PDB file of N, CA and C in Angstrom:
ATOM      1  N   MET A   1      -6.679 -25.665   4.583  1.00  0.00           N
ATOM      2  CA  MET A   1      -6.834 -24.877   5.797  1.00  0.00           C
ATOM      3  C   MET A   1      -5.704 -23.832   5.905  1.00  0.00           C
ATOM      4  N   THR A   2      -4.497 -24.234   5.613  1.00  0.00           N
ATOM      5  CA  THR A   2      -3.369 -23.335   5.683  1.00  0.00           C
ATOM      6  C   THR A   2      -3.487 -22.179   4.678  1.00  0.00           C
ATOM      7  N   GLU A   3      -3.983 -22.525   3.474  1.00  0.00           N
ATOM      8  CA  GLU A   3      -4.173 -21.534   2.428  1.00  0.00           C
ATOM      9  C   GLU A   3      -5.219 -20.485   2.843  1.00  0.00           C
ATOM     10  N   THR A   4      -6.269 -20.935   3.480  1.00  0.00           N
ATOM     11  CA  THR A   4      -7.320 -20.019   3.979  1.00  0.00           C
ATOM     12  C   THR A   4      -6.787 -19.102   5.038  1.00  0.00           C
ATOM     13  N   PHE A   5      -6.008 -19.659   5.950  1.00  0.00           N
ATOM     14  CA  PHE A   5      -5.410 -18.869   7.031  1.00  0.00           C
ATOM     15  C   PHE A   5      -4.473 -17.793   6.444  1.00  0.00           C
ATOM     16  N   ASN A   6      -3.686 -18.163   5.444  1.00  0.00           N
ATOM     17  CA  ASN A   6      -2.769 -17.192   4.799  1.00  0.00           C
ATOM     18  C   ASN A   6      -3.545 -16.060   4.113  1.00  0.00           C
ATOM     19  N   LEU A   7      -4.629 -16.414   3.448  1.00  0.00           N
ATOM     20  CA  LEU A   7      -5.410 -15.378   2.779  1.00  0.00           C
ATOM     21  C   LEU A   7      -6.100 -14.447   3.794  1.00  0.00           C
ATOM     22  N   ILE A   8      -6.600 -14.979   4.869  1.00  0.00           N
ATOM     23  CA  ILE A   8      -7.226 -14.151   5.889  1.00  0.00           C
ATOM     24  C   ILE A   8      -6.233 -13.246   6.539  1.00  0.00           C
ATOM     25  N   THR A   9      -5.053 -13.768   6.834  1.00  0.00           N
ATOM     26  CA  THR A   9      -3.998 -12.948   7.437  1.00  0.00           C
ATOM     27  C   THR A   9      -3.551 -11.838   6.465  1.00  0.00           C
ATOM     28  N   GLY A  10      -3.452 -12.181   5.219  1.00  0.00           N
ATOM     29  CA  GLY A  10      -3.069 -11.185   4.227  1.00  0.00           C
ATOM     30  C   GLY A  10      -4.127 -10.075   4.073  1.00  0.00           C
ATOM     31  N   MET A  11      -5.389 -10.457   4.077  1.00  0.00           N
ATOM     32  CA  MET A  11      -6.461  -9.478   3.974  1.00  0.00           C
ATOM     33  C   MET A  11      -6.486  -8.543   5.190  1.00  0.00           C
ATOM     34  N   LEU A  12      -6.239  -9.114   6.384  1.00  0.00           N
ATOM     35  CA  LEU A  12      -6.198  -8.269   7.588  1.00  0.00           C
ATOM     36  C   LEU A  12      -5.002  -7.296   7.525  1.00  0.00           C
ATOM     37  N   ALA A  13      -3.919  -7.760   6.973  1.00  0.00           N
ATOM     38  CA  ALA A  13      -2.752  -6.840   6.840  1.00  0.00           C
ATOM     39  C   ALA A  13      -3.075  -5.726   5.833  1.00  0.00           C
ATOM     40  N   LEU A  14      -3.774  -6.047   4.773  1.00  0.00           N
ATOM     41  CA  LEU A  14      -4.167  -5.018   3.812  1.00  0.00           C
ATOM     42  C   LEU A  14      -5.117  -4.009   4.414  1.00  0.00           C
ATOM     43  N   ILE A  15      -6.053  -4.487   5.209  1.00  0.00           N
ATOM     44  CA  ILE A  15      -7.021  -3.581   5.847  1.00  0.00           C
ATOM     45  C   ILE A  15      -6.262  -2.682   6.846  1.00  0.00           C
ATOM     46  N   LEU A  16      -5.269  -3.236   7.506  1.00  0.00           N
ATOM     47  CA  LEU A  16      -4.468  -2.448   8.436  1.00  0.00           C
ATOM     48  C   LEU A  16      -3.671  -1.349   7.739  1.00  0.00           C
ATOM     49  N   GLY A  17      -3.459  -1.482   6.437  1.00  0.00           N
ATOM     50  CA  GLY A  17      -2.715  -0.446   5.663  1.00  0.00           C
ATOM     51  C   GLY A  17      -3.484   0.868   5.605  1.00  0.00           C
ATOM     52  N   ILE A  18      -4.802   0.829   5.700  1.00  0.00           N
ATOM     53  CA  ILE A  18      -5.584   2.067   5.602  1.00  0.00           C
ATOM     54  C   ILE A  18      -5.307   2.976   6.767  1.00  0.00           C
ATOM     55  N   PRO A  19      -5.434   2.540   8.014  1.00  0.00           N
ATOM     56  CA  PRO A  19      -5.128   3.470   9.106  1.00  0.00           C
ATOM     57  C   PRO A  19      -3.641   3.864   9.167  1.00  0.00           C
ATOM     58  N   ILE A  20      -2.764   2.933   8.760  1.00  0.00           N
ATOM     59  CA  ILE A  20      -1.346   3.256   8.766  1.00  0.00           C
ATOM     60  C   ILE A  20      -1.040   4.372   7.762  1.00  0.00           C
ATOM     61  N   GLY A  21      -1.639   4.296   6.569  1.00  0.00           N
ATOM     62  CA  GLY A  21      -1.493   5.367   5.590  1.00  0.00           C
ATOM     63  C   GLY A  21      -2.015   6.712   6.062  1.00  0.00           C
ATOM     64  N   ASP A  22      -3.184   6.694   6.733  1.00  0.00           N
ATOM     65  CA  ASP A  22      -3.740   7.917   7.309  1.00  0.00           C
ATOM     66  C   ASP A  22      -2.827   8.515   8.365  1.00  0.00           C
ATOM     67  N   PHE A  23      -2.309   7.640   9.213  1.00  0.00           N
ATOM     68  CA  PHE A  23      -1.418   8.083  10.277  1.00  0.00           C
ATOM     69  C   PHE A  23      -0.150   8.739   9.719  1.00  0.00           C
ATOM     70  N   LEU A  24       0.444   8.088   8.716  1.00  0.00           N
ATOM     71  CA  LEU A  24       1.651   8.620   8.120  1.00  0.00           C
ATOM     72  C   LEU A  24       1.404   9.952   7.400  1.00  0.00           C
ATOM     73  N   ALA A  25       0.254  10.065   6.771  1.00  0.00           N
ATOM     74  CA  ALA A  25      -0.109  11.316   6.100  1.00  0.00           C
ATOM     75  C   ALA A  25      -0.235  12.492   7.086  1.00  0.00           C
ATOM     76  N   LYS A  26      -0.770  12.234   8.240  1.00  0.00           N
ATOM     77  CA  LYS A  26      -0.940  13.279   9.212  1.00  0.00           C
ATOM     78  C   LYS A  26       0.360  13.757   9.822  1.00  0.00           C
ATOM     79  N   HIS A  27       1.318  12.846   9.942  1.00  0.00           N
ATOM     80  CA  HIS A  27       2.548  13.156  10.650  1.00  0.00           C
ATOM     81  C   HIS A  27       3.756  13.451   9.730  1.00  0.00           C
ATOM     82  N   THR A  28       3.568  13.339   8.419  1.00  0.00           N
ATOM     83  CA  THR A  28       4.685  13.568   7.494  1.00  0.00           C
ATOM     84  C   THR A  28       4.247  14.442   6.323  1.00  0.00           C
ATOM     85  N   LYS A  29       3.595  15.542   6.610  1.00  0.00           N
ATOM     86  CA  LYS A  29       3.075  16.388   5.539  1.00  0.00           C
ATOM     87  C   LYS A  29       4.152  17.029   4.709  1.00  0.00           C
ATOM     88  N   GLU A  30       5.297  17.410   5.314  1.00  0.00           N
ATOM     89  CA  GLU A  30       6.370  18.048   4.557  1.00  0.00           C
ATOM     90  C   GLU A  30       6.990  17.083   3.548  1.00  0.00           C
ATOM     91  N   GLU A  31       7.170  15.845   3.980  1.00  0.00           N
ATOM     92  CA  GLU A  31       7.788  14.855   3.090  1.00  0.00           C
ATOM     93  C   GLU A  31       6.860  14.505   1.944  1.00  0.00           C
ATOM     94  N   LEU A  32       5.552  14.493   2.206  1.00  0.00           N
ATOM     95  CA  LEU A  32       4.603  14.181   1.157  1.00  0.00           C
ATOM     96  C   LEU A  32       4.580  15.234   0.068  1.00  0.00           C
ATOM     97  N   LYS A  33       4.708  16.489   0.452  1.00  0.00           N
ATOM     98  CA  LYS A  33       4.712  17.550  -0.547  1.00  0.00           C
ATOM     99  C   LYS A  33       5.961  17.491  -1.417  1.00  0.00           C
ATOM    100  N   ALA A  34       7.088  17.229  -0.793  1.00  0.00           N
ATOM    101  CA  ALA A  34       8.352  17.206  -1.565  1.00  0.00           C
ATOM    102  C   ALA A  34       8.482  15.981  -2.425  1.00  0.00           C
ATOM    103  N   GLY A  35       7.929  14.862  -2.015  1.00  0.00           N
ATOM    104  CA  GLY A  35       8.135  13.611  -2.761  1.00  0.00           C
ATOM    105  C   GLY A  35       6.890  13.072  -3.450  1.00  0.00           C
ATOM    106  N   LYS A  36       5.981  13.933  -3.824  1.00  0.00           N
ATOM    107  CA  LYS A  36       4.711  13.508  -4.412  1.00  0.00           C
ATOM    108  C   LYS A  36       4.911  12.648  -5.649  1.00  0.00           C
ATOM    109  N   LYS A  37       5.822  13.046  -6.547  1.00  0.00           N
ATOM    110  CA  LYS A  37       6.025  12.256  -7.788  1.00  0.00           C
ATOM    111  C   LYS A  37       6.633  10.882  -7.484  1.00  0.00           C
ATOM    112  N   TRP A  38       7.449  10.795  -6.413  1.00  0.00           N
ATOM    113  CA  TRP A  38       8.051   9.545  -6.038  1.00  0.00           C
ATOM    114  C   TRP A  38       7.036   8.599  -5.432  1.00  0.00           C
ATOM    115  N   PHE A  39       6.080   9.171  -4.686  1.00  0.00           N
ATOM    116  CA  PHE A  39       5.039   8.339  -4.100  1.00  0.00           C
ATOM    117  C   PHE A  39       4.136   7.777  -5.198  1.00  0.00           C
ATOM    118  N   LYS A  40       3.850   8.586  -6.218  1.00  0.00           N
ATOM    119  CA  LYS A  40       3.055   8.081  -7.339  1.00  0.00           C
ATOM    120  C   LYS A  40       3.807   6.965  -8.090  1.00  0.00           C
ATOM    121  N   LEU A  41       5.112   7.101  -8.191  1.00  0.00           N
ATOM    122  CA  LEU A  41       5.930   6.047  -8.850  1.00  0.00           C
ATOM    123  C   LEU A  41       5.931   4.774  -8.006  1.00  0.00           C
ATOM    124  N   ILE A  42       5.950   4.894  -6.697  1.00  0.00           N
ATOM    125  CA  ILE A  42       5.879   3.730  -5.832  1.00  0.00           C
ATOM    126  C   ILE A  42       4.529   3.009  -6.035  1.00  0.00           C
ATOM    127  N   ILE A  43       3.459   3.763  -6.161  1.00  0.00           N
ATOM    128  CA  ILE A  43       2.153   3.146  -6.373  1.00  0.00           C
ATOM    129  C   ILE A  43       2.126   2.373  -7.680  1.00  0.00           C
ATOM    130  N   VAL A  44       2.644   2.951  -8.752  1.00  0.00           N
ATOM    131  CA  VAL A  44       2.669   2.263 -10.054  1.00  0.00           C
ATOM    132  C   VAL A  44       3.489   0.989  -9.995  1.00  0.00           C
ATOM    133  N   PHE A  45       4.691   1.067  -9.427  1.00  0.00           N
ATOM    134  CA  PHE A  45       5.511  -0.135  -9.315  1.00  0.00           C
ATOM    135  C   PHE A  45       4.918  -1.178  -8.381  1.00  0.00           C
ATOM    136  N   SER A  46       4.227  -0.749  -7.350  1.00  0.00           N
ATOM    137  CA  SER A  46       3.574  -1.686  -6.453  1.00  0.00           C
ATOM    138  C   SER A  46       2.461  -2.458  -7.170  1.00  0.00           C
ATOM    139  N   PHE A  47       1.657  -1.757  -7.977  1.00  0.00           N
ATOM    140  CA  PHE A  47       0.594  -2.450  -8.705  1.00  0.00           C
ATOM    141  C   PHE A  47       1.187  -3.344  -9.780  1.00  0.00           C
ATOM    142  N   ALA A  48       2.266  -2.913 -10.428  1.00  0.00           N
ATOM    143  CA  ALA A  48       2.923  -3.777 -11.423  1.00  0.00           C
ATOM    144  C   ALA A  48       3.498  -5.026 -10.712  1.00  0.00           C
ATOM    145  N   GLY A  49       4.099  -4.842  -9.569  1.00  0.00           N
ATOM    146  CA  GLY A  49       4.641  -5.992  -8.844  1.00  0.00           C
ATOM    147  C   GLY A  49       3.556  -6.934  -8.367  1.00  0.00           C
ATOM    148  N   SER A  50       2.379  -6.393  -7.990  1.00  0.00           N
ATOM    149  CA  SER A  50       1.303  -7.271  -7.561  1.00  0.00           C
ATOM    150  C   SER A  50       0.744  -8.085  -8.706  1.00  0.00           C
ATOM    151  N   ILE A  51       0.716  -7.482  -9.919  1.00  0.00           N
ATOM    152  CA  ILE A  51       0.251  -8.255 -11.098  1.00  0.00           C
ATOM    153  C   ILE A  51       1.244  -9.336 -11.429  1.00  0.00           C
ATOM    154  N   ILE A  52       2.514  -9.070 -11.346  1.00  0.00           N
ATOM    155  CA  ILE A  52       3.545 -10.069 -11.602  1.00  0.00           C
ATOM    156  C   ILE A  52       3.464 -11.160 -10.536  1.00  0.00           C
ATOM    157  N   SER A  53       3.192 -10.798  -9.309  1.00  0.00           N
ATOM    158  CA  SER A  53       3.059 -11.779  -8.229  1.00  0.00           C
ATOM    159  C   SER A  53       1.861 -12.678  -8.445  1.00  0.00           C
ATOM    160  N   LEU A  54       0.777 -12.111  -9.020  1.00  0.00           N
ATOM    161  CA  LEU A  54      -0.378 -12.941  -9.336  1.00  0.00           C
ATOM    162  C   LEU A  54      -0.005 -13.956 -10.404  1.00  0.00           C
ATOM    163  N   ILE A  55       0.767 -13.540 -11.398  1.00  0.00           N
ATOM    164  CA  ILE A  55       1.145 -14.456 -12.486  1.00  0.00           C
ATOM    165  C   ILE A  55       1.999 -15.589 -11.940  1.00  0.00           C
ATOM    166  N   PHE A  56       2.934 -15.282 -11.049  1.00  0.00           N
ATOM    167  CA  PHE A  56       3.844 -16.303 -10.510  1.00  0.00           C
ATOM    168  C   PHE A  56       3.238 -16.973  -9.245  1.00  0.00           C
ATOM    169  N   ARG A  57       2.052 -16.576  -8.859  1.00  0.00           N
ATOM    170  CA  ARG A  57       1.322 -17.160  -7.689  1.00  0.00           C
ATOM    171  C   ARG A  57       2.126 -17.125  -6.415  1.00  0.00           C
ATOM    172  N   ASN A  58       2.665 -15.951  -6.147  1.00  0.00           N
ATOM    173  CA  ASN A  58       3.450 -15.748  -4.900  1.00  0.00           C
ATOM    174  C   ASN A  58       2.638 -14.818  -3.984  1.00  0.00           C
ATOM    175  N   ASP A  59       1.950 -15.424  -3.031  1.00  0.00           N
ATOM    176  CA  ASP A  59       1.042 -14.686  -2.141  1.00  0.00           C
ATOM    177  C   ASP A  59       1.777 -13.658  -1.292  1.00  0.00           C
ATOM    178  N   ALA A  60       2.959 -14.013  -0.802  1.00  0.00           N
ATOM    179  CA  ALA A  60       3.722 -13.086   0.085  1.00  0.00           C
ATOM    180  C   ALA A  60       4.048 -11.808  -0.653  1.00  0.00           C
ATOM    181  N   LEU A  61       4.553 -11.933  -1.868  1.00  0.00           N
ATOM    182  CA  LEU A  61       4.900 -10.712  -2.638  1.00  0.00           C
ATOM    183  C   LEU A  61       3.653  -9.956  -3.037  1.00  0.00           C
ATOM    184  N   LEU A  62       2.579 -10.646  -3.376  1.00  0.00           N
ATOM    185  CA  LEU A  62       1.327  -9.999  -3.748  1.00  0.00           C
ATOM    186  C   LEU A  62       0.837  -9.115  -2.626  1.00  0.00           C
ATOM    187  N   PHE A  63       0.754  -9.657  -1.419  1.00  0.00           N
ATOM    188  CA  PHE A  63       0.258  -8.884  -0.288  1.00  0.00           C
ATOM    189  C   PHE A  63       1.230  -7.755   0.071  1.00  0.00           C
ATOM    190  N   SER A  64       2.514  -8.004  -0.061  1.00  0.00           N
ATOM    191  CA  SER A  64       3.500  -6.953   0.229  1.00  0.00           C
ATOM    192  C   SER A  64       3.362  -5.767  -0.706  1.00  0.00           C
ATOM    193  N   PHE A  65       3.268  -6.062  -2.004  1.00  0.00           N
ATOM    194  CA  PHE A  65       3.090  -4.975  -2.992  1.00  0.00           C
ATOM    195  C   PHE A  65       1.785  -4.226  -2.832  1.00  0.00           C
ATOM    196  N   LEU A  66       0.705  -4.986  -2.560  1.00  0.00           N
ATOM    197  CA  LEU A  66      -0.584  -4.325  -2.324  1.00  0.00           C
ATOM    198  C   LEU A  66      -0.588  -3.475  -1.085  1.00  0.00           C
ATOM    199  N   PHE A  67       0.086  -3.938  -0.015  1.00  0.00           N
ATOM    200  CA  PHE A  67       0.195  -3.158   1.200  1.00  0.00           C
ATOM    201  C   PHE A  67       0.902  -1.825   0.946  1.00  0.00           C
ATOM    202  N   MET A  68       2.032  -1.907   0.180  1.00  0.00           N
ATOM    203  CA  MET A  68       2.763  -0.671  -0.133  1.00  0.00           C
ATOM    204  C   MET A  68       1.870   0.276  -0.957  1.00  0.00           C
ATOM    205  N   ALA A  69       1.096  -0.260  -1.899  1.00  0.00           N
ATOM    206  CA  ALA A  69       0.260   0.581  -2.713  1.00  0.00           C
ATOM    207  C   ALA A  69      -0.844   1.226  -1.879  1.00  0.00           C
ATOM    208  N   ILE A  70      -1.438   0.480  -0.954  1.00  0.00           N
ATOM    209  CA  ILE A  70      -2.534   1.017  -0.146  1.00  0.00           C
ATOM    210  C   ILE A  70      -2.008   2.116   0.782  1.00  0.00           C
ATOM    211  N   VAL A  71      -0.888   1.856   1.488  1.00  0.00           N
ATOM    212  CA  VAL A  71      -0.335   2.837   2.425  1.00  0.00           C
ATOM    213  C   VAL A  71       0.032   4.116   1.658  1.00  0.00           C
ATOM    214  N   THR A  72       0.710   3.963   0.523  1.00  0.00           N
ATOM    215  CA  THR A  72       1.154   5.139  -0.212  1.00  0.00           C
ATOM    216  C   THR A  72      -0.038   5.916  -0.796  1.00  0.00           C
ATOM    217  N   SER A  73      -1.028   5.218  -1.340  1.00  0.00           N
ATOM    218  CA  SER A  73      -2.156   5.909  -1.910  1.00  0.00           C
ATOM    219  C   SER A  73      -3.003   6.603  -0.833  1.00  0.00           C
ATOM    220  N   ARG A  74      -3.139   5.982   0.325  1.00  0.00           N
ATOM    221  CA  ARG A  74      -3.851   6.634   1.416  1.00  0.00           C
ATOM    222  C   ARG A  74      -3.105   7.880   1.907  1.00  0.00           C
ATOM    223  N   SER A  75      -1.791   7.834   1.899  1.00  0.00           N
ATOM    224  CA  SER A  75      -1.024   8.998   2.291  1.00  0.00           C
ATOM    225  C   SER A  75      -1.251  10.139   1.343  1.00  0.00           C
ATOM    226  N   LEU A  76      -1.265   9.877   0.059  1.00  0.00           N
ATOM    227  CA  LEU A  76      -1.503  10.934  -0.937  1.00  0.00           C
ATOM    228  C   LEU A  76      -2.929  11.424  -0.866  1.00  0.00           C
ATOM    229  N   LYS A  77      -3.854  10.523  -0.670  1.00  0.00           N
ATOM    230  CA  LYS A  77      -5.248  10.945  -0.607  1.00  0.00           C
ATOM    231  C   LYS A  77      -5.522  11.796   0.621  1.00  0.00           C
ATOM    232  N   GLU A  78      -4.924  11.444   1.739  1.00  0.00           N
ATOM    233  CA  GLU A  78      -5.075  12.205   2.980  1.00  0.00           C
ATOM    234  C   GLU A  78      -4.429  13.589   2.809  1.00  0.00           C
ATOM    235  N   ASN A  79      -3.341  13.663   2.081  1.00  0.00           N
ATOM    236  CA  ASN A  79      -2.653  14.914   1.836  1.00  0.00           C
ATOM    237  C   ASN A  79      -3.565  15.883   1.016  1.00  0.00           C
ATOM    238  N   LYS A  80      -4.309  15.323   0.074  1.00  0.00           N
ATOM    239  CA  LYS A  80      -5.247  16.150  -0.703  1.00  0.00           C
ATOM    240  C   LYS A  80      -6.360  16.663   0.138  1.00  0.00           C
ATOM    241  N   ARG A  81      -6.851  15.885   1.082  1.00  0.00           N
ATOM    242  CA  ARG A  81      -7.953  16.313   1.943  1.00  0.00           C
ATOM    243  C   ARG A  81      -7.542  17.388   2.910  1.00  0.00           C
ATOM    244  N   SER A  82      -6.279  17.392   3.312  1.00  0.00           N
ATOM    245  CA  SER A  82      -5.844  18.381   4.310  1.00  0.00           C
ATOM    246  C   SER A  82      -5.556  19.749   3.739  1.00  0.00           C
ATOM    247  N   LYS A  83      -5.582  19.927   2.420  1.00  0.00           N
ATOM    248  CA  LYS A  83      -5.301  21.233   1.813  1.00  0.00           C
ATOM    249  C   LYS A  83      -6.434  22.186   2.020  1.00  0.00           C
TER     250      LYS A  83
END
Protein backbone atom coordinates (compact mmCIF):
# COMPACT_ATOMS: atom_id res chain seq x y z
CA MET A 1 0.00 0.00 0.00
CA THR A 2 2.80 2.42 0.87
CA GLU A 3 4.63 1.64 -2.37
CA THR A 4 1.51 2.39 -4.40
CA PHE A 5 0.99 5.68 -2.57
CA ASN A 6 4.61 6.69 -3.25
CA LEU A 7 4.27 5.90 -6.96
CA ILE A 8 1.01 7.83 -7.30
CA THR A 9 2.48 10.82 -5.46
CA GLY A 10 5.56 10.71 -7.70
CA MET A 11 3.47 10.56 -10.85
CA LEU A 12 1.39 13.53 -9.72
CA ALA A 13 4.58 15.48 -9.07
CA LEU A 14 5.83 14.63 -12.56
CA ILE A 15 2.56 15.74 -14.13
CA LEU A 16 2.81 18.98 -12.15
CA GLY A 17 6.18 19.59 -13.83
CA ILE A 18 4.48 20.31 -17.16
CA PRO A 19 2.64 23.50 -16.12
CA ILE A 20 5.59 24.58 -13.99
CA GLY A 21 7.90 24.33 -17.02
CA ASP A 22 5.44 26.30 -19.14
CA PHE A 23 5.13 28.97 -16.46
CA LEU A 24 8.90 29.34 -16.13
CA ALA A 25 9.32 29.55 -19.89
CA LYS A 26 6.85 32.41 -20.16
CA HIS A 27 8.43 34.43 -17.36
CA THR A 28 12.16 33.82 -17.97
CA LYS A 29 12.64 34.23 -21.71
CA GLU A 30 15.92 36.16 -21.40
CA GLU A 31 17.53 33.53 -19.20
CA LEU A 32 16.45 30.72 -21.51
CA LYS A 33 18.10 32.36 -24.51
CA ALA A 34 21.38 32.91 -22.70
CA GLY A 35 21.58 29.50 -21.05
CA LYS A 36 20.19 27.20 -23.73
CA LYS A 37 23.25 24.92 -23.81
CA TRP A 38 23.22 24.63 -20.02
CA PHE A 39 19.56 23.66 -20.00
CA LYS A 40 20.28 20.93 -22.53
CA LEU A 41 23.11 19.71 -20.31
CA ILE A 42 20.73 19.62 -17.33
CA ILE A 43 18.33 17.46 -19.33
CA VAL A 44 21.07 14.99 -20.26
CA PHE A 45 22.34 14.71 -16.68
CA SER A 46 18.80 14.37 -15.37
CA PHE A 47 18.06 11.45 -17.67
CA ALA A 48 21.39 9.85 -16.79
CA GLY A 49 20.63 10.29 -13.09
CA SER A 50 17.18 8.77 -13.53
CA ILE A 51 18.66 5.71 -15.22
CA ILE A 52 21.17 5.31 -12.39
CA SER A 53 18.33 5.73 -9.88
CA LEU A 54 16.44 2.93 -11.62
CA ILE A 55 19.47 0.67 -11.29
CA PHE A 56 19.82 1.43 -7.57
CA ARG A 57 16.01 1.37 -7.07
CA ASN A 58 15.86 4.78 -5.42
CA ASP A 59 12.40 6.18 -6.15
CA ALA A 60 13.02 9.59 -4.58
CA LEU A 61 16.02 10.30 -6.79
CA LEU A 62 14.27 8.86 -9.84
CA PHE A 63 11.31 11.19 -9.51
CA SER A 64 13.55 14.16 -8.67
CA PHE A 65 15.70 13.69 -11.77
CA LEU A 66 12.66 13.12 -13.99
CA PHE A 67 10.98 16.24 -12.57
CA MET A 68 14.06 18.32 -13.42
CA ALA A 69 14.15 16.86 -16.93
CA ILE A 70 10.45 17.55 -17.53
CA VAL A 71 10.54 21.14 -16.25
CA THR A 72 13.70 21.97 -18.20
CA SER A 73 12.54 20.34 -21.43
CA ARG A 74 9.15 22.07 -21.25
CA SER A 75 10.91 25.37 -20.74
CA LEU A 76 13.00 24.84 -23.87
CA LYS A 77 10.04 23.59 -25.87
CA GLU A 78 7.93 26.59 -24.85
CA ASN A 79 10.81 28.88 -25.82
CA LYS A 80 10.81 27.40 -29.35
CA ARG A 81 7.05 27.94 -29.69
CA SER A 82 7.26 31.61 -28.69
CA LYS A 83 9.69 32.55 -31.50
